[in-house]
Amino acid sequence: MIELTPSKEGALLYVHAQPAARRSGLVGEHAGALRVAVTAPPDKGKANAAILDVLAKALGLKPSQLSLISGETARRKRILLAGLSPEEAGRLIAAAMPEPKPSND
């Protein structure tokens, strides 16, 4: 389950970054964090900017509502979703998540 924490400004979301991926988008969950893949390389903040852009588009938020709180050079990052409660953020994330692929059992 994706961990969302309340803060004075909004909801805090943990993100597991996957830079230099083939495609950008929400990938799933990893150890309580939302996995976000971006095609941008982890160079001079390009991947961080791309992650915020992918999140804003996927969740239907304004880019100004998202900010990187910690983890600038780490794979695990903390993102502030300004103006949202953890419940609201959870609903947006659930709606934006990719459908699970059916298994070939």
N, C-alpha and C. Protein backbone atom coordinates (compact mmCIF):
# COMPACT_ATOMS: atom_id res chain seq x y z
N MET A 1 0.83 -1.18 0.00
CA MET A 1 0.00 0.00 0.00
C MET A 1 0.88 1.25 0.00
N ILE A 2 0.46 2.24 -0.75
CA ILE A 2 1.24 3.47 -0.89
C ILE A 2 1.01 4.34 0.35
N GLU A 3 2.12 4.77 0.94
CA GLU A 3 2.09 5.53 2.18
C GLU A 3 1.88 7.02 1.90
N LEU A 4 0.85 7.59 2.52
CA LEU A 4 0.58 9.02 2.44
C LEU A 4 0.50 9.57 3.86
N THR A 5 1.18 10.67 4.11
CA THR A 5 1.25 11.25 5.44
C THR A 5 0.69 12.67 5.41
N PRO A 6 -0.13 13.03 6.38
CA PRO A 6 -0.64 14.41 6.40
C PRO A 6 0.45 15.40 6.83
N SER A 7 0.38 16.61 6.30
CA SER A 7 1.25 17.70 6.75
C SER A 7 0.41 18.98 6.76
N LYS A 8 0.97 20.05 7.27
CA LYS A 8 0.23 21.32 7.33
C LYS A 8 -0.16 21.81 5.93
N GLU A 9 0.72 21.56 4.95
CA GLU A 9 0.51 22.08 3.60
C GLU A 9 -0.28 21.14 2.69
N GLY A 10 -0.38 19.88 3.06
CA GLY A 10 -1.06 18.91 2.20
C GLY A 10 -0.68 17.49 2.57
N ALA A 11 -0.55 16.64 1.56
CA ALA A 11 -0.20 15.24 1.78
C ALA A 11 1.24 14.99 1.33
N LEU A 12 1.97 14.19 2.08
CA LEU A 12 3.32 13.80 1.71
C LEU A 12 3.28 12.40 1.12
N LEU A 13 3.89 12.27 -0.03
CA LEU A 13 3.90 11.02 -0.78
C LEU A 13 5.33 10.56 -0.96
N TYR A 14 5.58 9.29 -0.67
CA TYR A 14 6.89 8.71 -0.98
C TYR A 14 6.87 8.19 -2.41
N VAL A 15 7.94 8.48 -3.14
CA VAL A 15 8.08 8.05 -4.53
C VAL A 15 9.37 7.26 -4.67
N HIS A 16 9.29 6.15 -5.39
CA HIS A 16 10.48 5.38 -5.76
C HIS A 16 10.76 5.71 -7.22
N ALA A 17 11.85 6.42 -7.47
CA ALA A 17 12.18 6.91 -8.81
C ALA A 17 12.82 5.83 -9.66
N GLN A 18 12.45 5.81 -10.92
CA GLN A 18 13.04 4.91 -11.90
C GLN A 18 13.47 5.77 -13.09
N PRO A 19 14.66 6.43 -13.00
CA PRO A 19 15.11 7.30 -14.09
C PRO A 19 15.62 6.50 -15.28
N ALA A 20 15.73 7.17 -16.41
CA ALA A 20 16.24 6.58 -17.64
C ALA A 20 15.46 5.34 -18.06
N ALA A 21 14.15 5.37 -17.85
CA ALA A 21 13.28 4.25 -18.23
C ALA A 21 12.89 4.37 -19.70
N ARG A 22 12.31 3.32 -20.25
CA ARG A 22 11.85 3.36 -21.64
C ARG A 22 10.66 4.29 -21.82
N ARG A 23 9.76 4.30 -20.81
CA ARG A 23 8.56 5.13 -20.85
C ARG A 23 8.38 5.84 -19.53
N SER A 24 7.70 6.98 -19.58
CA SER A 24 7.38 7.70 -18.36
C SER A 24 5.97 7.35 -17.92
N GLY A 25 5.78 7.27 -16.61
CA GLY A 25 4.44 7.03 -16.08
C GLY A 25 4.49 6.39 -14.71
N LEU A 26 3.31 6.20 -14.14
CA LEU A 26 3.18 5.51 -12.86
C LEU A 26 3.31 4.03 -13.13
N VAL A 27 4.15 3.35 -12.36
CA VAL A 27 4.45 1.95 -12.62
C VAL A 27 3.78 1.02 -11.62
N GLY A 28 3.64 1.46 -10.38
CA GLY A 28 3.07 0.61 -9.35
C GLY A 28 3.54 1.04 -7.99
N GLU A 29 3.71 0.06 -7.10
CA GLU A 29 4.09 0.33 -5.72
C GLU A 29 5.38 -0.40 -5.39
N HIS A 30 6.22 0.21 -4.55
CA HIS A 30 7.48 -0.40 -4.12
C HIS A 30 7.73 0.00 -2.67
N ALA A 31 7.61 -0.94 -1.77
CA ALA A 31 7.91 -0.72 -0.34
C ALA A 31 7.20 0.51 0.22
N GLY A 32 5.91 0.65 -0.07
CA GLY A 32 5.13 1.77 0.46
C GLY A 32 5.24 3.05 -0.33
N ALA A 33 6.01 3.03 -1.41
CA ALA A 33 6.19 4.22 -2.24
C ALA A 33 5.57 4.00 -3.62
N LEU A 34 5.16 5.09 -4.24
CA LEU A 34 4.64 5.05 -5.60
C LEU A 34 5.82 4.99 -6.56
N ARG A 35 5.89 3.97 -7.41
CA ARG A 35 6.97 3.87 -8.39
C ARG A 35 6.62 4.73 -9.59
N VAL A 36 7.54 5.64 -9.91
CA VAL A 36 7.36 6.54 -11.05
C VAL A 36 8.56 6.39 -11.98
N ALA A 37 8.29 6.01 -13.22
CA ALA A 37 9.34 5.87 -14.22
C ALA A 37 9.37 7.12 -15.09
N VAL A 38 10.59 7.58 -15.41
CA VAL A 38 10.76 8.72 -16.31
C VAL A 38 11.88 8.42 -17.29
N THR A 39 11.76 8.96 -18.49
CA THR A 39 12.79 8.74 -19.50
C THR A 39 14.01 9.62 -19.26
N ALA A 40 13.87 10.67 -18.48
CA ALA A 40 14.98 11.60 -18.21
C ALA A 40 16.08 10.91 -17.40
N PRO A 41 17.33 11.27 -17.69
CA PRO A 41 18.44 10.69 -16.91
C PRO A 41 18.56 11.38 -15.55
N PRO A 42 19.19 10.70 -14.59
CA PRO A 42 19.39 11.32 -13.27
C PRO A 42 20.57 12.29 -13.32
N ASP A 43 20.42 13.38 -14.05
CA ASP A 43 21.50 14.32 -14.29
C ASP A 43 21.02 15.75 -14.06
N LYS A 44 21.62 16.44 -13.10
CA LYS A 44 21.33 17.85 -12.83
C LYS A 44 19.85 18.13 -12.60
N GLY A 45 19.16 17.22 -11.92
CA GLY A 45 17.76 17.44 -11.57
C GLY A 45 16.75 17.17 -12.68
N LYS A 46 17.22 16.67 -13.82
CA LYS A 46 16.30 16.40 -14.94
C LYS A 46 15.26 15.35 -14.57
N ALA A 47 15.69 14.27 -13.92
CA ALA A 47 14.76 13.21 -13.54
C ALA A 47 13.78 13.71 -12.48
N ASN A 48 14.25 14.52 -11.54
CA ASN A 48 13.34 15.05 -10.51
C ASN A 48 12.26 15.92 -11.14
N ALA A 49 12.63 16.78 -12.07
CA ALA A 49 11.66 17.64 -12.75
C ALA A 49 10.67 16.78 -13.53
N ALA A 50 11.17 15.74 -14.18
CA ALA A 50 10.30 14.86 -14.96
C ALA A 50 9.33 14.10 -14.06
N ILE A 51 9.78 13.69 -12.88
CA ILE A 51 8.91 12.99 -11.93
C ILE A 51 7.76 13.89 -11.50
N LEU A 52 8.08 15.13 -11.16
CA LEU A 52 7.03 16.07 -10.76
C LEU A 52 6.05 16.31 -11.91
N ASP A 53 6.56 16.38 -13.13
CA ASP A 53 5.71 16.59 -14.30
C ASP A 53 4.79 15.38 -14.53
N VAL A 54 5.34 14.17 -14.45
CA VAL A 54 4.55 12.95 -14.64
C VAL A 54 3.46 12.86 -13.56
N LEU A 55 3.83 13.15 -12.31
CA LEU A 55 2.85 13.10 -11.22
C LEU A 55 1.73 14.12 -11.42
N ALA A 56 2.09 15.34 -11.79
CA ALA A 56 1.08 16.39 -12.00
C ALA A 56 0.09 15.97 -13.08
N LYS A 57 0.60 15.47 -14.19
CA LYS A 57 -0.28 15.06 -15.30
C LYS A 57 -1.13 13.85 -14.91
N ALA A 58 -0.52 12.86 -14.28
CA ALA A 58 -1.25 11.63 -13.93
C ALA A 58 -2.34 11.89 -12.90
N LEU A 59 -2.07 12.81 -11.97
CA LEU A 59 -3.03 13.07 -10.89
C LEU A 59 -3.96 14.23 -11.19
N GLY A 60 -3.73 14.91 -12.31
CA GLY A 60 -4.58 16.04 -12.68
C GLY A 60 -4.37 17.25 -11.79
N LEU A 61 -3.14 17.47 -11.36
CA LEU A 61 -2.81 18.59 -10.49
C LEU A 61 -2.01 19.64 -11.24
N LYS A 62 -2.00 20.86 -10.71
CA LYS A 62 -1.17 21.92 -11.27
C LYS A 62 0.27 21.64 -10.86
N PRO A 63 1.24 21.93 -11.74
CA PRO A 63 2.64 21.71 -11.36
C PRO A 63 3.03 22.45 -10.07
N SER A 64 2.40 23.58 -9.80
CA SER A 64 2.72 24.34 -8.59
C SER A 64 2.26 23.65 -7.31
N GLN A 65 1.39 22.63 -7.43
CA GLN A 65 0.91 21.89 -6.26
C GLN A 65 1.88 20.81 -5.80
N LEU A 66 2.92 20.54 -6.58
CA LEU A 66 3.87 19.49 -6.24
C LEU A 66 5.24 20.08 -5.98
N SER A 67 5.90 19.59 -4.94
CA SER A 67 7.27 20.00 -4.68
C SER A 67 8.05 18.87 -4.04
N LEU A 68 9.32 18.81 -4.39
CA LEU A 68 10.23 17.80 -3.86
C LEU A 68 10.69 18.26 -2.48
N ILE A 69 10.39 17.45 -1.46
CA ILE A 69 10.74 17.80 -0.08
C ILE A 69 12.10 17.22 0.30
N SER A 70 12.35 15.96 -0.08
CA SER A 70 13.63 15.32 0.24
C SER A 70 13.92 14.22 -0.76
N GLY A 71 15.20 13.82 -0.80
CA GLY A 71 15.61 12.75 -1.69
C GLY A 71 16.07 13.20 -3.05
N GLU A 72 16.61 14.41 -3.12
CA GLU A 72 17.01 14.97 -4.41
C GLU A 72 17.93 14.05 -5.21
N THR A 73 18.86 13.38 -4.54
CA THR A 73 19.79 12.51 -5.26
C THR A 73 19.54 11.02 -4.98
N ALA A 74 18.48 10.71 -4.25
CA ALA A 74 18.17 9.31 -3.91
C ALA A 74 17.01 8.81 -4.77
N ARG A 75 16.86 7.50 -4.84
CA ARG A 75 15.72 6.92 -5.55
C ARG A 75 14.42 7.14 -4.77
N ARG A 76 14.51 7.09 -3.45
CA ARG A 76 13.32 7.30 -2.61
C ARG A 76 13.21 8.79 -2.32
N LYS A 77 12.11 9.37 -2.73
CA LYS A 77 11.88 10.80 -2.60
C LYS A 77 10.60 11.05 -1.83
N ARG A 78 10.50 12.24 -1.25
CA ARG A 78 9.27 12.66 -0.59
C ARG A 78 8.74 13.87 -1.34
N ILE A 79 7.50 13.77 -1.77
CA ILE A 79 6.87 14.81 -2.57
C ILE A 79 5.68 15.37 -1.79
N LEU A 80 5.56 16.70 -1.77
CA LEU A 80 4.41 17.35 -1.15
C LEU A 80 3.35 17.57 -2.22
N LEU A 81 2.14 17.09 -1.95
CA LEU A 81 0.97 17.35 -2.79
C LEU A 81 0.17 18.42 -2.05
N ALA A 82 0.41 19.68 -2.39
CA ALA A 82 -0.15 20.81 -1.65
C ALA A 82 -1.66 20.90 -1.81
N GLY A 83 -2.32 21.16 -0.68
CA GLY A 83 -3.76 21.37 -0.70
C GLY A 83 -4.61 20.11 -0.72
N LEU A 84 -3.98 18.96 -0.60
CA LEU A 84 -4.73 17.69 -0.62
C LEU A 84 -4.60 16.98 0.71
N SER A 85 -5.66 16.32 1.13
CA SER A 85 -5.57 15.45 2.29
C SER A 85 -5.01 14.11 1.81
N PRO A 86 -4.49 13.30 2.72
CA PRO A 86 -4.02 11.97 2.31
C PRO A 86 -5.12 11.15 1.64
N GLU A 87 -6.36 11.31 2.10
CA GLU A 87 -7.47 10.56 1.51
C GLU A 87 -7.71 10.98 0.05
N GLU A 88 -7.72 12.31 -0.18
CA GLU A 88 -7.91 12.82 -1.55
C GLU A 88 -6.77 12.37 -2.45
N ALA A 89 -5.55 12.47 -1.95
CA ALA A 89 -4.39 12.06 -2.73
C ALA A 89 -4.46 10.57 -3.05
N GLY A 90 -4.87 9.77 -2.07
CA GLY A 90 -5.00 8.33 -2.28
C GLY A 90 -6.00 8.00 -3.37
N ARG A 91 -7.12 8.71 -3.39
CA ARG A 91 -8.12 8.48 -4.45
C ARG A 91 -7.57 8.84 -5.83
N LEU A 92 -6.84 9.97 -5.92
CA LEU A 92 -6.26 10.37 -7.20
C LEU A 92 -5.23 9.35 -7.69
N ILE A 93 -4.41 8.87 -6.77
CA ILE A 93 -3.38 7.89 -7.12
C ILE A 93 -4.03 6.58 -7.57
N ALA A 94 -5.03 6.13 -6.82
CA ALA A 94 -5.72 4.88 -7.18
C ALA A 94 -6.34 4.98 -8.57
N ALA A 95 -6.92 6.13 -8.90
CA ALA A 95 -7.54 6.31 -10.21
C ALA A 95 -6.51 6.37 -11.33
N ALA A 96 -5.29 6.84 -11.01
CA ALA A 96 -4.26 7.00 -12.03
C ALA A 96 -3.38 5.77 -12.23
N MET A 97 -3.47 4.81 -11.32
CA MET A 97 -2.61 3.63 -11.39
C MET A 97 -2.96 2.78 -12.60
N PRO A 98 -1.94 2.17 -13.21
CA PRO A 98 -2.21 1.29 -14.35
C PRO A 98 -2.96 0.03 -13.91
N GLU A 99 -3.76 -0.48 -14.80
CA GLU A 99 -4.48 -1.73 -14.52
C GLU A 99 -3.48 -2.87 -14.44
N PRO A 100 -3.65 -3.77 -13.48
CA PRO A 100 -2.74 -4.92 -13.41
C PRO A 100 -2.89 -5.80 -14.65
N LYS A 101 -1.76 -6.28 -15.12
CA LYS A 101 -1.80 -7.15 -16.29
C LYS A 101 -2.29 -8.53 -15.88
N PRO A 102 -3.18 -9.13 -16.67
CA PRO A 102 -3.64 -10.48 -16.32
C PRO A 102 -2.51 -11.49 -16.45
N SER A 103 -2.50 -12.44 -15.53
CA SER A 103 -1.46 -13.47 -15.58
C SER A 103 -1.86 -14.56 -16.59
N ASN A 104 -0.88 -15.25 -17.07
CA ASN A 104 -1.11 -16.31 -18.06
C ASN A 104 -1.17 -17.67 -17.40
N ASP A 105 -1.97 -17.78 -16.35
CA ASP A 105 -2.09 -19.06 -15.64
C ASP A 105 -3.02 -20.01 -16.35
